[in-house]
């Protein structure tokens, strides 16, 4: 007898159940409706609305990573999870670095532009 898993066993291990997909789908629908209704009904405004919608978006992202991409369910070594975390770190470095550079250039360029146009 071979201890190698069959293709069927590997597919079963890496694919979620219908229950997991249904939970992920329903939670995504509910979170999307919540976000949409917050804006449509004007329950919050300004920064509070942005904070709540961002929070709901992050919760939805976690649900999708867990229930659709099955992140964290793989057996050891957890290469998929490690790859995701490395990608997340690189994405944050690029996004935060880009914003930092843009805001810094804005502070440096705007006073000079005002003097060139004759505005004091």
PDB file of N, CA and C in Angstrom:
ATOM      1  N   UNK A   1       0.828  -1.183   0.000  1.00  0.00           N
ATOM      2  CA  UNK A   1       0.000   0.000   0.000  1.00  0.00           C
ATOM      3  C   UNK A   1       0.871   1.243   0.000  1.00  0.00           C
ATOM      4  N   UNK A   2       0.503   2.179  -0.800  1.00  0.00           N
ATOM      5  CA  UNK A   2       1.226   3.435  -0.892  1.00  0.00           C
ATOM      6  C   UNK A   2       0.621   4.445   0.082  1.00  0.00           C
ATOM      7  N   UNK A   3       1.502   5.213   0.716  1.00  0.00           N
ATOM      8  CA  UNK A   3       1.019   6.228   1.652  1.00  0.00           C
ATOM      9  C   UNK A   3       0.782   7.569   0.953  1.00  0.00           C
ATOM     10  N   UNK A   4       1.005   7.610  -0.345  1.00  0.00           N
ATOM     11  CA  UNK A   4       0.780   8.830  -1.120  1.00  0.00           C
ATOM     12  C   UNK A   4      -0.723   9.085  -1.238  1.00  0.00           C
ATOM     13  N   UNK A   5      -1.158  10.328  -1.016  1.00  0.00           N
ATOM     14  CA  UNK A   5      -2.590  10.616  -1.167  1.00  0.00           C
ATOM     15  C   UNK A   5      -3.000  10.605  -2.634  1.00  0.00           C
ATOM     16  N   UNK A   6      -4.219  10.185  -2.882  1.00  0.00           N
ATOM     17  CA  UNK A   6      -4.732  10.176  -4.247  1.00  0.00           C
ATOM     18  C   UNK A   6      -5.151  11.591  -4.634  1.00  0.00           C
ATOM     19  N   UNK A   7      -5.374  11.777  -5.922  1.00  0.00           N
ATOM     20  CA  UNK A   7      -5.792  13.089  -6.416  1.00  0.00           C
ATOM     21  C   UNK A   7      -7.126  13.504  -5.797  1.00  0.00           C
ATOM     22  N   UNK A   8      -8.041  12.546  -5.640  1.00  0.00           N
ATOM     23  CA  UNK A   8      -9.339  12.843  -5.018  1.00  0.00           C
ATOM     24  C   UNK A   8      -9.156  13.334  -3.589  1.00  0.00           C
ATOM     25  N   UNK A   9      -8.265  12.706  -2.839  1.00  0.00           N
ATOM     26  CA  UNK A   9      -8.027  13.113  -1.451  1.00  0.00           C
ATOM     27  C   UNK A   9      -7.415  14.511  -1.385  1.00  0.00           C
ATOM     28  N   UNK A  10      -6.509  14.799  -2.300  1.00  0.00           N
ATOM     29  CA  UNK A  10      -5.884  16.124  -2.335  1.00  0.00           C
ATOM     30  C   UNK A  10      -6.926  17.185  -2.675  1.00  0.00           C
ATOM     31  N   UNK A  11      -7.779  16.911  -3.662  1.00  0.00           N
ATOM     32  CA  UNK A  11      -8.824  17.869  -4.027  1.00  0.00           C
ATOM     33  C   UNK A  11      -9.796  18.085  -2.881  1.00  0.00           C
ATOM     34  N   UNK A  12     -10.158  17.012  -2.193  1.00  0.00           N
ATOM     35  CA  UNK A  12     -11.087  17.132  -1.066  1.00  0.00           C
ATOM     36  C   UNK A  12     -10.467  17.964   0.048  1.00  0.00           C
ATOM     37  N   UNK A  13      -9.175  17.801   0.249  1.00  0.00           N
ATOM     38  CA  UNK A  13      -8.476  18.527   1.306  1.00  0.00           C
ATOM     39  C   UNK A  13      -8.404  20.020   1.005  1.00  0.00           C
ATOM     40  N   UNK A  14      -8.258  20.382  -0.272  1.00  0.00           N
ATOM     41  CA  UNK A  14      -8.055  21.782  -0.632  1.00  0.00           C
ATOM     42  C   UNK A  14      -9.331  22.516  -1.005  1.00  0.00           C
ATOM     43  N   UNK A  15     -10.424  21.822  -1.127  1.00  0.00           N
ATOM     44  CA  UNK A  15     -11.677  22.482  -1.482  1.00  0.00           C
ATOM     45  C   UNK A  15     -12.583  22.534  -0.272  1.00  0.00           C
ATOM     46  N   UNK A  16     -13.282  23.654  -0.147  1.00  0.00           N
ATOM     47  CA  UNK A  16     -14.192  23.825   0.973  1.00  0.00           C
ATOM     48  C   UNK A  16     -15.498  23.087   0.756  1.00  0.00           C
ATOM     49  N   UNK A  17     -16.257  22.997   1.806  1.00  0.00           N
ATOM     50  CA  UNK A  17     -17.568  22.365   1.723  1.00  0.00           C
ATOM     51  C   UNK A  17     -18.591  23.386   1.228  1.00  0.00           C
ATOM     52  N   UNK A  18     -19.753  22.885   0.846  1.00  0.00           N
ATOM     53  CA  UNK A  18     -20.827  23.788   0.429  1.00  0.00           C
ATOM     54  C   UNK A  18     -21.252  24.678   1.590  1.00  0.00           C
ATOM     55  N   UNK A  19     -21.196  24.139   2.795  1.00  0.00           N
ATOM     56  CA  UNK A  19     -21.563  24.915   3.984  1.00  0.00           C
ATOM     57  C   UNK A  19     -20.617  26.104   4.161  1.00  0.00           C
ATOM     58  N   UNK A  20     -19.308  25.866   3.992  1.00  0.00           N
ATOM     59  CA  UNK A  20     -18.326  26.948   4.134  1.00  0.00           C
ATOM     60  C   UNK A  20     -18.532  28.012   3.062  1.00  0.00           C
ATOM     61  N   UNK A  21     -18.786  27.569   1.825  1.00  0.00           N
ATOM     62  CA  UNK A  21     -19.038  28.535   0.755  1.00  0.00           C
ATOM     63  C   UNK A  21     -20.313  29.327   1.019  1.00  0.00           C
ATOM     64  N   UNK A  22     -21.350  28.671   1.528  1.00  0.00           N
ATOM     65  CA  UNK A  22     -22.613  29.358   1.821  1.00  0.00           C
ATOM     66  C   UNK A  22     -22.426  30.384   2.936  1.00  0.00           C
ATOM     67  N   UNK A  23     -21.682  30.020   3.979  1.00  0.00           N
ATOM     68  CA  UNK A  23     -21.413  30.961   5.075  1.00  0.00           C
ATOM     69  C   UNK A  23     -20.635  32.165   4.554  1.00  0.00           C
ATOM     70  N   UNK A  24     -19.605  31.924   3.762  1.00  0.00           N
ATOM     71  CA  UNK A  24     -18.814  33.013   3.196  1.00  0.00           C
ATOM     72  C   UNK A  24     -19.637  33.908   2.289  1.00  0.00           C
ATOM     73  N   UNK A  25     -20.466  33.297   1.451  1.00  0.00           N
ATOM     74  CA  UNK A  25     -21.293  34.066   0.521  1.00  0.00           C
ATOM     75  C   UNK A  25     -22.321  34.907   1.266  1.00  0.00           C
ATOM     76  N   UNK A  26     -23.015  34.298   2.215  1.00  0.00           N
ATOM     77  CA  UNK A  26     -24.052  35.030   2.958  1.00  0.00           C
ATOM     78  C   UNK A  26     -23.443  36.158   3.796  1.00  0.00           C
ATOM     79  N   UNK A  27     -22.303  35.898   4.411  1.00  0.00           N
ATOM     80  CA  UNK A  27     -21.667  36.960   5.201  1.00  0.00           C
ATOM     81  C   UNK A  27     -21.213  38.109   4.303  1.00  0.00           C
ATOM     82  N   UNK A  28     -20.726  37.798   3.110  1.00  0.00           N
ATOM     83  CA  UNK A  28     -20.329  38.852   2.173  1.00  0.00           C
ATOM     84  C   UNK A  28     -21.534  39.674   1.727  1.00  0.00           C
ATOM     85  N   UNK A  29     -22.638  39.004   1.450  1.00  0.00           N
ATOM     86  CA  UNK A  29     -23.861  39.712   1.052  1.00  0.00           C
ATOM     87  C   UNK A  29     -24.341  40.616   2.185  1.00  0.00           C
ATOM     88  N   UNK A  30     -24.378  40.096   3.408  1.00  0.00           N
ATOM     89  CA  UNK A  30     -24.848  40.877   4.558  1.00  0.00           C
ATOM     90  C   UNK A  30     -23.962  42.096   4.791  1.00  0.00           C
ATOM     91  N   UNK A  31     -22.645  41.908   4.742  1.00  0.00           N
ATOM     92  CA  UNK A  31     -21.733  43.029   4.967  1.00  0.00           C
ATOM     93  C   UNK A  31     -21.836  44.074   3.858  1.00  0.00           C
ATOM     94  N   UNK A  32     -22.045  43.628   2.627  1.00  0.00           N
ATOM     95  CA  UNK A  32     -22.221  44.567   1.519  1.00  0.00           C
ATOM     96  C   UNK A  32     -23.517  45.360   1.677  1.00  0.00           C
ATOM     97  N   UNK A  33     -24.593  44.680   2.051  1.00  0.00           N
ATOM     98  CA  UNK A  33     -25.874  45.370   2.264  1.00  0.00           C
ATOM     99  C   UNK A  33     -25.763  46.360   3.418  1.00  0.00           C
ATOM    100  N   UNK A  34     -25.064  45.980   4.486  1.00  0.00           N
ATOM    101  CA  UNK A  34     -24.863  46.905   5.606  1.00  0.00           C
ATOM    102  C   UNK A  34     -24.132  48.167   5.157  1.00  0.00           C
ATOM    103  N   UNK A  35     -23.060  47.989   4.400  1.00  0.00           N
ATOM    104  CA  UNK A  35     -22.297  49.145   3.916  1.00  0.00           C
ATOM    105  C   UNK A  35     -23.152  50.029   3.018  1.00  0.00           C
ATOM    106  N   UNK A  36     -23.859  49.405   2.098  1.00  0.00           N
ATOM    107  CA  UNK A  36     -24.697  50.158   1.169  1.00  0.00           C
ATOM    108  C   UNK A  36     -25.806  50.905   1.905  1.00  0.00           C
ATOM    109  N   UNK A  37     -26.436  50.249   2.868  1.00  0.00           N
ATOM    110  CA  UNK A  37     -27.539  50.893   3.584  1.00  0.00           C
ATOM    111  C   UNK A  37     -27.050  52.043   4.463  1.00  0.00           C
ATOM    112  N   UNK A  38     -25.825  51.949   4.985  1.00  0.00           N
ATOM    113  CA  UNK A  38     -25.268  53.055   5.773  1.00  0.00           C
ATOM    114  C   UNK A  38     -25.187  54.328   4.929  1.00  0.00           C
ATOM    115  N   UNK A  39     -24.803  54.173   3.673  1.00  0.00           N
ATOM    116  CA  UNK A  39     -24.687  55.333   2.786  1.00  0.00           C
ATOM    117  C   UNK A  39     -26.061  55.765   2.281  1.00  0.00           C
ATOM    118  N   UNK A  40     -26.868  54.803   1.858  1.00  0.00           N
ATOM    119  CA  UNK A  40     -28.172  55.125   1.278  1.00  0.00           C
ATOM    120  C   UNK A  40     -29.092  55.818   2.283  1.00  0.00           C
ATOM    121  N   UNK A  41     -29.125  55.312   3.512  1.00  0.00           N
ATOM    122  CA  UNK A  41     -30.013  55.875   4.529  1.00  0.00           C
ATOM    123  C   UNK A  41     -29.377  57.021   5.309  1.00  0.00           C
ATOM    124  N   UNK A  42     -28.124  57.329   4.986  1.00  0.00           N
ATOM    125  CA  UNK A  42     -27.384  58.416   5.642  1.00  0.00           C
ATOM    126  C   UNK A  42     -27.399  58.270   7.168  1.00  0.00           C
ATOM    127  N   UNK A  43     -27.103  57.040   7.619  1.00  0.00           N
ATOM    128  CA  UNK A  43     -27.072  56.779   9.055  1.00  0.00           C
ATOM    129  C   UNK A  43     -25.887  57.459   9.724  1.00  0.00           C
ATOM    130  N   UNK A  44     -24.790  57.559   8.998  1.00  0.00           N
ATOM    131  CA  UNK A  44     -23.590  58.247   9.485  1.00  0.00           C
ATOM    132  C   UNK A  44     -23.090  59.164   8.380  1.00  0.00           C
ATOM    133  N   UNK A  45     -22.258  60.121   8.773  1.00  0.00           N
ATOM    134  CA  UNK A  45     -21.676  61.022   7.779  1.00  0.00           C
ATOM    135  C   UNK A  45     -20.211  61.254   8.094  1.00  0.00           C
ATOM    136  N   UNK A  46     -19.481  61.697   7.097  1.00  0.00           N
ATOM    137  CA  UNK A  46     -18.094  62.106   7.272  1.00  0.00           C
ATOM    138  C   UNK A  46     -17.160  60.974   7.663  1.00  0.00           C
ATOM    139  N   UNK A  47     -16.287  61.297   8.613  1.00  0.00           N
ATOM    140  CA  UNK A  47     -15.251  60.351   9.022  1.00  0.00           C
ATOM    141  C   UNK A  47     -15.830  59.106   9.680  1.00  0.00           C
ATOM    142  N   UNK A  48     -16.906  59.267  10.430  1.00  0.00           N
ATOM    143  CA  UNK A  48     -17.522  58.108  11.087  1.00  0.00           C
ATOM    144  C   UNK A  48     -18.001  57.095  10.053  1.00  0.00           C
ATOM    145  N   UNK A  49     -18.592  57.578   8.971  1.00  0.00           N
ATOM    146  CA  UNK A  49     -19.048  56.696   7.901  1.00  0.00           C
ATOM    147  C   UNK A  49     -17.869  55.978   7.256  1.00  0.00           C
ATOM    148  N   UNK A  50     -16.797  56.706   6.996  1.00  0.00           N
ATOM    149  CA  UNK A  50     -15.611  56.095   6.382  1.00  0.00           C
ATOM    150  C   UNK A  50     -15.003  55.023   7.285  1.00  0.00           C
ATOM    151  N   UNK A  51     -14.957  55.288   8.580  1.00  0.00           N
ATOM    152  CA  UNK A  51     -14.398  54.316   9.524  1.00  0.00           C
ATOM    153  C   UNK A  51     -15.247  53.047   9.547  1.00  0.00           C
ATOM    154  N   UNK A  52     -16.561  53.206   9.598  1.00  0.00           N
ATOM    155  CA  UNK A  52     -17.455  52.044   9.645  1.00  0.00           C
ATOM    156  C   UNK A  52     -17.375  51.246   8.351  1.00  0.00           C
ATOM    157  N   UNK A  53     -17.388  51.915   7.211  1.00  0.00           N
ATOM    158  CA  UNK A  53     -17.318  51.207   5.930  1.00  0.00           C
ATOM    159  C   UNK A  53     -15.966  50.510   5.774  1.00  0.00           C
ATOM    160  N   UNK A  54     -14.890  51.163   6.193  1.00  0.00           N
ATOM    161  CA  UNK A  54     -13.571  50.528   6.133  1.00  0.00           C
ATOM    162  C   UNK A  54     -13.529  49.297   7.033  1.00  0.00           C
ATOM    163  N   UNK A  55     -14.093  49.401   8.220  1.00  0.00           N
ATOM    164  CA  UNK A  55     -14.150  48.252   9.126  1.00  0.00           C
ATOM    165  C   UNK A  55     -14.944  47.101   8.538  1.00  0.00           C
ATOM    166  N   UNK A  56     -16.098  47.401   7.951  1.00  0.00           N
ATOM    167  CA  UNK A  56     -16.903  46.356   7.317  1.00  0.00           C
ATOM    168  C   UNK A  56     -16.165  45.736   6.129  1.00  0.00           C
ATOM    169  N   UNK A  57     -15.426  46.547   5.380  1.00  0.00           N
ATOM    170  CA  UNK A  57     -14.654  46.025   4.244  1.00  0.00           C
ATOM    171  C   UNK A  57     -13.547  45.091   4.717  1.00  0.00           C
ATOM    172  N   UNK A  58     -12.881  45.447   5.803  1.00  0.00           N
ATOM    173  CA  UNK A  58     -11.827  44.576   6.338  1.00  0.00           C
ATOM    174  C   UNK A  58     -12.410  43.267   6.863  1.00  0.00           C
ATOM    175  N   UNK A  59     -13.553  43.338   7.527  1.00  0.00           N
ATOM    176  CA  UNK A  59     -14.208  42.117   8.003  1.00  0.00           C
ATOM    177  C   UNK A  59     -14.590  41.236   6.820  1.00  0.00           C
ATOM    178  N   UNK A  60     -15.116  41.848   5.765  1.00  0.00           N
ATOM    179  CA  UNK A  60     -15.491  41.084   4.579  1.00  0.00           C
ATOM    180  C   UNK A  60     -14.264  40.453   3.925  1.00  0.00           C
ATOM    181  N   UNK A  61     -13.148  41.166   3.901  1.00  0.00           N
ATOM    182  CA  UNK A  61     -11.916  40.614   3.329  1.00  0.00           C
ATOM    183  C   UNK A  61     -11.459  39.391   4.115  1.00  0.00           C
ATOM    184  N   UNK A  62     -11.556  39.450   5.438  1.00  0.00           N
ATOM    185  CA  UNK A  62     -11.168  38.303   6.270  1.00  0.00           C
ATOM    186  C   UNK A  62     -12.085  37.113   5.987  1.00  0.00           C
ATOM    187  N   UNK A  63     -13.387  37.354   5.892  1.00  0.00           N
ATOM    188  CA  UNK A  63     -14.327  36.271   5.580  1.00  0.00           C
ATOM    189  C   UNK A  63     -13.991  35.637   4.233  1.00  0.00           C
ATOM    190  N   UNK A  64     -13.687  36.457   3.234  1.00  0.00           N
ATOM    191  CA  UNK A  64     -13.391  35.912   1.915  1.00  0.00           C
ATOM    192  C   UNK A  64     -12.077  35.143   1.899  1.00  0.00           C
ATOM    193  N   UNK A  65     -11.079  35.644   2.618  1.00  0.00           N
ATOM    194  CA  UNK A  65      -9.812  34.914   2.697  1.00  0.00           C
ATOM    195  C   UNK A  65     -10.007  33.562   3.367  1.00  0.00           C
ATOM    196  N   UNK A  66     -10.839  33.517   4.366  1.00  0.00           N
ATOM    197  CA  UNK A  66     -11.046  32.286   5.130  1.00  0.00           C
ATOM    198  C   UNK A  66     -11.944  31.293   4.394  1.00  0.00           C
ATOM    199  N   UNK A  67     -13.100  31.762   3.908  1.00  0.00           N
ATOM    200  CA  UNK A  67     -14.096  30.846   3.362  1.00  0.00           C
ATOM    201  C   UNK A  67     -13.942  30.563   1.874  1.00  0.00           C
ATOM    202  N   UNK A  68     -13.378  31.486   1.101  1.00  0.00           N
ATOM    203  CA  UNK A  68     -13.236  31.254  -0.332  1.00  0.00           C
ATOM    204  C   UNK A  68     -11.815  30.843  -0.715  1.00  0.00           C
ATOM    205  N   UNK A  69     -10.819  31.482  -0.125  1.00  0.00           N
ATOM    206  CA  UNK A  69      -9.433  31.139  -0.450  1.00  0.00           C
ATOM    207  C   UNK A  69      -8.851  30.108   0.503  1.00  0.00           C
ATOM    208  N   UNK A  70      -9.568  29.780   1.564  1.00  0.00           N
ATOM    209  CA  UNK A  70      -9.171  28.765   2.551  1.00  0.00           C
ATOM    210  C   UNK A  70      -7.804  29.057   3.146  1.00  0.00           C
ATOM    211  N   UNK A  71      -7.521  30.324   3.346  1.00  0.00           N
ATOM    212  CA  UNK A  71      -6.243  30.726   3.910  1.00  0.00           C
ATOM    213  C   UNK A  71      -6.170  30.278   5.364  1.00  0.00           C
ATOM    214  N   UNK A  72      -5.116  29.606   5.716  1.00  0.00           N
ATOM    215  CA  UNK A  72      -4.930  29.120   7.071  1.00  0.00           C
ATOM    216  C   UNK A  72      -5.393  27.692   7.273  1.00  0.00           C
ATOM    217  N   UNK A  73      -6.028  27.098   6.279  1.00  0.00           N
ATOM    218  CA  UNK A  73      -6.519  25.728   6.412  1.00  0.00           C
ATOM    219  C   UNK A  73      -5.529  24.692   5.891  1.00  0.00           C
ATOM    220  N   UNK A  74      -4.490  25.129   5.211  1.00  0.00           N
ATOM    221  CA  UNK A  74      -3.575  24.181   4.592  1.00  0.00           C
ATOM    222  C   UNK A  74      -2.719  23.495   5.662  1.00  0.00           C
ATOM    223  N   UNK A  75      -2.277  22.264   5.370  1.00  0.00           N
ATOM    224  CA  UNK A  75      -1.421  21.562   6.336  1.00  0.00           C
ATOM    225  C   UNK A  75      -0.037  22.200   6.380  1.00  0.00           C
ATOM    226  N   UNK A  76       0.718  21.854   7.393  1.00  0.00           N
ATOM    227  CA  UNK A  76       2.063  22.414   7.534  1.00  0.00           C
ATOM    228  C   UNK A  76       2.959  21.852   6.453  1.00  0.00           C
ATOM    229  N   UNK A  77       3.907  22.569   5.931  1.00  0.00           N
ATOM    230  CA  UNK A  77       4.192  23.973   6.171  1.00  0.00           C
ATOM    231  C   UNK A  77       3.161  24.851   5.473  1.00  0.00           C
ATOM    232  N   UNK A  78       2.850  25.954   6.069  1.00  0.00           N
ATOM    233  CA  UNK A  78       1.786  26.836   5.578  1.00  0.00           C
ATOM    234  C   UNK A  78       2.345  27.848   4.574  1.00  0.00           C
ATOM    235  N   UNK A  79       2.747  27.345   3.412  1.00  0.00           N
ATOM    236  CA  UNK A  79       3.370  28.202   2.410  1.00  0.00           C
ATOM    237  C   UNK A  79       2.401  29.237   1.863  1.00  0.00           C
ATOM    238  N   UNK A  80       1.150  28.866   1.671  1.00  0.00           N
ATOM    239  CA  UNK A  80       0.183  29.819   1.124  1.00  0.00           C
ATOM    240  C   UNK A  80      -0.034  30.987   2.081  1.00  0.00           C
ATOM    241  N   UNK A  81      -0.123  30.689   3.366  1.00  0.00           N
ATOM    242  CA  UNK A  81      -0.298  31.758   4.357  1.00  0.00           C
ATOM    243  C   UNK A  81       0.938  32.643   4.417  1.00  0.00           C
ATOM    244  N   UNK A  82       2.109  32.032   4.402  1.00  0.00           N
ATOM    245  CA  UNK A  82       3.344  32.815   4.438  1.00  0.00           C
ATOM    246  C   UNK A  82       3.465  33.704   3.201  1.00  0.00           C
ATOM    247  N   UNK A  83       3.114  33.162   2.044  1.00  0.00           N
ATOM    248  CA  UNK A  83       3.152  33.946   0.817  1.00  0.00           C
ATOM    249  C   UNK A  83       2.175  35.116   0.886  1.00  0.00           C
ATOM    250  N   UNK A  84       0.987  34.871   1.426  1.00  0.00           N
ATOM    251  CA  UNK A  84       0.000  35.944   1.567  1.00  0.00           C
ATOM    252  C   UNK A  84       0.514  37.036   2.492  1.00  0.00           C
ATOM    253  N   UNK A  85       1.099  36.667   3.622  1.00  0.00           N
ATOM    254  CA  UNK A  85       1.590  37.675   4.566  1.00  0.00           C
ATOM    255  C   UNK A  85       2.747  38.475   3.971  1.00  0.00           C
ATOM    256  N   UNK A  86       3.630  37.832   3.215  1.00  0.00           N
ATOM    257  CA  UNK A  86       4.710  38.548   2.542  1.00  0.00           C
ATOM    258  C   UNK A  86       4.142  39.526   1.515  1.00  0.00           C
ATOM    259  N   UNK A  87       3.133  39.076   0.746  1.00  0.00           N
ATOM    260  CA  UNK A  87       2.490  39.957  -0.226  1.00  0.00           C
ATOM    261  C   UNK A  87       1.841  41.145   0.473  1.00  0.00           C
ATOM    262  N   UNK A  88       1.217  40.907   1.617  1.00  0.00           N
ATOM    263  CA  UNK A  88       0.565  41.977   2.366  1.00  0.00           C
ATOM    264  C   UNK A  88       1.582  42.994   2.867  1.00  0.00           C
ATOM    265  N   UNK A  89       2.723  42.527   3.352  1.00  0.00           N
ATOM    266  CA  UNK A  89       3.776  43.430   3.823  1.00  0.00           C
ATOM    267  C   UNK A  89       4.302  44.286   2.670  1.00  0.00           C
ATOM    268  N   UNK A  90       4.566  43.667   1.524  1.00  0.00           N
ATOM    269  CA  UNK A  90       5.062  44.413   0.365  1.00  0.00           C
ATOM    270  C   UNK A  90       4.019  45.424  -0.106  1.00  0.00           C
ATOM    271  N   UNK A  91       2.752  45.023  -0.143  1.00  0.00           N
ATOM    272  CA  UNK A  91       1.678  45.931  -0.542  1.00  0.00           C
ATOM    273  C   UNK A  91       1.584  47.126   0.396  1.00  0.00           C
ATOM    274  N   UNK A  92       1.673  46.895   1.693  1.00  0.00           N
ATOM    275  CA  UNK A  92       1.612  47.993   2.658  1.00  0.00           C
ATOM    276  C   UNK A  92       2.809  48.929   2.518  1.00  0.00           C
ATOM    277  N   UNK A  93       4.001  48.370   2.297  1.00  0.00           N
ATOM    278  CA  UNK A  93       5.190  49.206   2.116  1.00  0.00           C
ATOM    279  C   UNK A  93       5.028  50.101   0.888  1.00  0.00           C
ATOM    280  N   UNK A  94       4.562  49.534  -0.223  1.00  0.00           N
ATOM    281  CA  UNK A  94       4.390  50.314  -1.451  1.00  0.00           C
ATOM    282  C   UNK A  94       3.302  51.374  -1.275  1.00  0.00           C
ATOM    283  N   UNK A  95       2.165  50.997  -0.700  1.00  0.00           N
ATOM    284  CA  UNK A  95       1.054  51.950  -0.549  1.00  0.00           C
ATOM    285  C   UNK A  95       1.407  53.067   0.425  1.00  0.00           C
ATOM    286  N   UNK A  96       1.922  52.715   1.597  1.00  0.00           N
ATOM    287  CA  UNK A  96       2.266  53.733   2.597  1.00  0.00           C
ATOM    288  C   UNK A  96       3.418  54.598   2.099  1.00  0.00           C
ATOM    289  N   UNK A  97       4.404  53.985   1.465  1.00  0.00           N
ATOM    290  CA  UNK A  97       5.518  54.754   0.915  1.00  0.00           C
ATOM    291  C   UNK A  97       5.073  55.721  -0.165  1.00  0.00           C
ATOM    292  N   UNK A  98       4.168  55.282  -1.029  1.00  0.00           N
ATOM    293  CA  UNK A  98       3.656  56.169  -2.085  1.00  0.00           C
ATOM    294  C   UNK A  98       2.895  57.345  -1.495  1.00  0.00           C
ATOM    295  N   UNK A  99       2.035  57.079  -0.519  1.00  0.00           N
ATOM    296  CA  UNK A  99       1.291  58.166   0.125  1.00  0.00           C
ATOM    297  C   UNK A  99       2.230  59.128   0.839  1.00  0.00           C
ATOM    298  N   UNK A 100       3.220  58.590   1.499  1.00  0.00           N
ATOM    299  CA  UNK A 100       4.192  59.414   2.218  1.00  0.00           C
ATOM    300  C   UNK A 100       4.909  60.356   1.249  1.00  0.00           C
ATOM    301  N   UNK A 101       5.374  59.805   0.130  1.00  0.00           N
ATOM    302  CA  UNK A 101       6.081  60.611  -0.866  1.00  0.00           C
ATOM    303  C   UNK A 101       5.160  61.672  -1.459  1.00  0.00           C
ATOM    304  N   UNK A 102       3.921  61.293  -1.791  1.00  0.00           N
ATOM    305  CA  UNK A 102       3.000  62.267  -2.389  1.00  0.00           C
ATOM    306  C   UNK A 102       2.674  63.406  -1.433  1.00  0.00           C
ATOM    307  N   UNK A 103       2.408  63.108  -0.177  1.00  0.00           N
ATOM    308  CA  UNK A 103       2.090  64.171   0.776  1.00  0.00           C
ATOM    309  C   UNK A 103       3.311  65.033   1.069  1.00  0.00           C
ATOM    310  N   UNK A 104       4.498  64.424   1.112  1.00  0.00           N
ATOM    311  CA  UNK A 104       5.713  65.192   1.343  1.00  0.00           C
ATOM    312  C   UNK A 104       5.988  66.123   0.167  1.00  0.00           C
ATOM    313  N   UNK A 105       5.816  65.632  -1.058  1.00  0.00           N
ATOM    314  CA  UNK A 105       6.015  66.488  -2.226  1.00  0.00           C
ATOM    315  C   UNK A 105       4.979  67.600  -2.272  1.00  0.00           C
ATOM    316  N   UNK A 106       3.764  67.313  -1.861  1.00  0.00           N
ATOM    317  CA  UNK A 106       2.723  68.337  -1.834  1.00  0.00           C
ATOM    318  C   UNK A 106       3.129  69.469  -0.891  1.00  0.00           C
ATOM    319  N   UNK A 107       3.650  69.146   0.275  1.00  0.00           N
ATOM    320  CA  UNK A 107       4.089  70.173   1.224  1.00  0.00           C
ATOM    321  C   UNK A 107       5.257  70.978   0.673  1.00  0.00           C
ATOM    322  N   UNK A 108       6.137  70.330  -0.063  1.00  0.00           N
ATOM    323  CA  UNK A 108       7.308  71.028  -0.600  1.00  0.00           C
ATOM    324  C   UNK A 108       6.987  71.861  -1.839  1.00  0.00           C
ATOM    325  N   UNK A 109       6.040  71.410  -2.649  1.00  0.00           N
ATOM    326  CA  UNK A 109       5.771  72.081  -3.917  1.00  0.00           C
ATOM    327  C   UNK A 109       4.753  73.209  -3.802  1.00  0.00           C
ATOM    328  N   UNK A 110       3.786  73.104  -2.957  1.00  0.00           N
ATOM    329  CA  UNK A 110       2.713  74.100  -2.913  1.00  0.00           C
ATOM    330  C   UNK A 110       3.200  75.502  -2.544  1.00  0.00           C
ATOM    331  N   UNK A 111       4.065  75.697  -1.552  1.00  0.00           N
ATOM    332  CA  UNK A 111       4.525  77.069  -1.281  1.00  0.00           C
ATOM    333  C   UNK A 111       5.268  77.679  -2.469  1.00  0.00           C
ATOM    334  N   UNK A 112       6.075  76.897  -3.161  1.00  0.00           N
ATOM    335  CA  UNK A 112       6.816  77.407  -4.316  1.00  0.00           C
ATOM    336  C   UNK A 112       5.869  77.771  -5.448  1.00  0.00           C
ATOM    337  N   UNK A 113       4.813  77.005  -5.628  1.00  0.00           N
ATOM    338  CA  UNK A 113       3.864  77.298  -6.698  1.00  0.00           C
ATOM    339  C   UNK A 113       3.129  78.602  -6.420  1.00  0.00           C
ATOM    340  N   UNK A 114       2.833  78.888  -5.163  1.00  0.00           N
ATOM    341  CA  UNK A 114       2.147  80.129  -4.813  1.00  0.00           C
ATOM    342  C   UNK A 114       3.003  81.343  -5.111  1.00  0.00           C
ATOM    343  N   UNK A 115       4.306  81.279  -4.858  1.00  0.00           N
ATOM    344  CA  UNK A 115       5.209  82.405  -5.117  1.00  0.00           C
ATOM    345  C   UNK A 115       5.384  82.634  -6.612  1.00  0.00           C
ATOM    346  N   UNK A 116       5.451  81.548  -7.402  1.00  0.00           N
ATOM    347  CA  UNK A 116       5.625  81.685  -8.840  1.00  0.00           C
ATOM    348  C   UNK A 116       4.417  82.345  -9.489  1.00  0.00           C
ATOM    349  N   UNK A 117       3.230  82.110  -8.971  1.00  0.00           N
ATOM    350  CA  UNK A 117       2.010  82.661  -9.555  1.00  0.00           C
ATOM    351  C   UNK A 117       1.729  84.076  -9.066  1.00  0.00           C
ATOM    352  N   UNK A 118       2.523  84.581  -8.158  1.00  0.00           N
ATOM    353  CA  UNK A 118       2.331  85.934  -7.677  1.00  0.00           C
ATOM    354  C   UNK A 118       1.388  86.028  -6.498  1.00  0.00           C
ATOM    355  N   UNK A 119       1.009  84.897  -5.923  1.00  0.00           N
ATOM    356  CA  UNK A 119       0.135  84.896  -4.750  1.00  0.00           C
ATOM    357  C   UNK A 119       0.989  84.892  -3.502  1.00  0.00           C
ATOM    358  N   UNK A 120       0.707  85.793  -2.588  1.00  0.00           N
ATOM    359  CA  UNK A 120       1.493  85.841  -1.348  1.00  0.00           C
ATOM    360  C   UNK A 120       0.712  85.334  -0.179  1.00  0.00           C
TER     361      UNK A 120
END
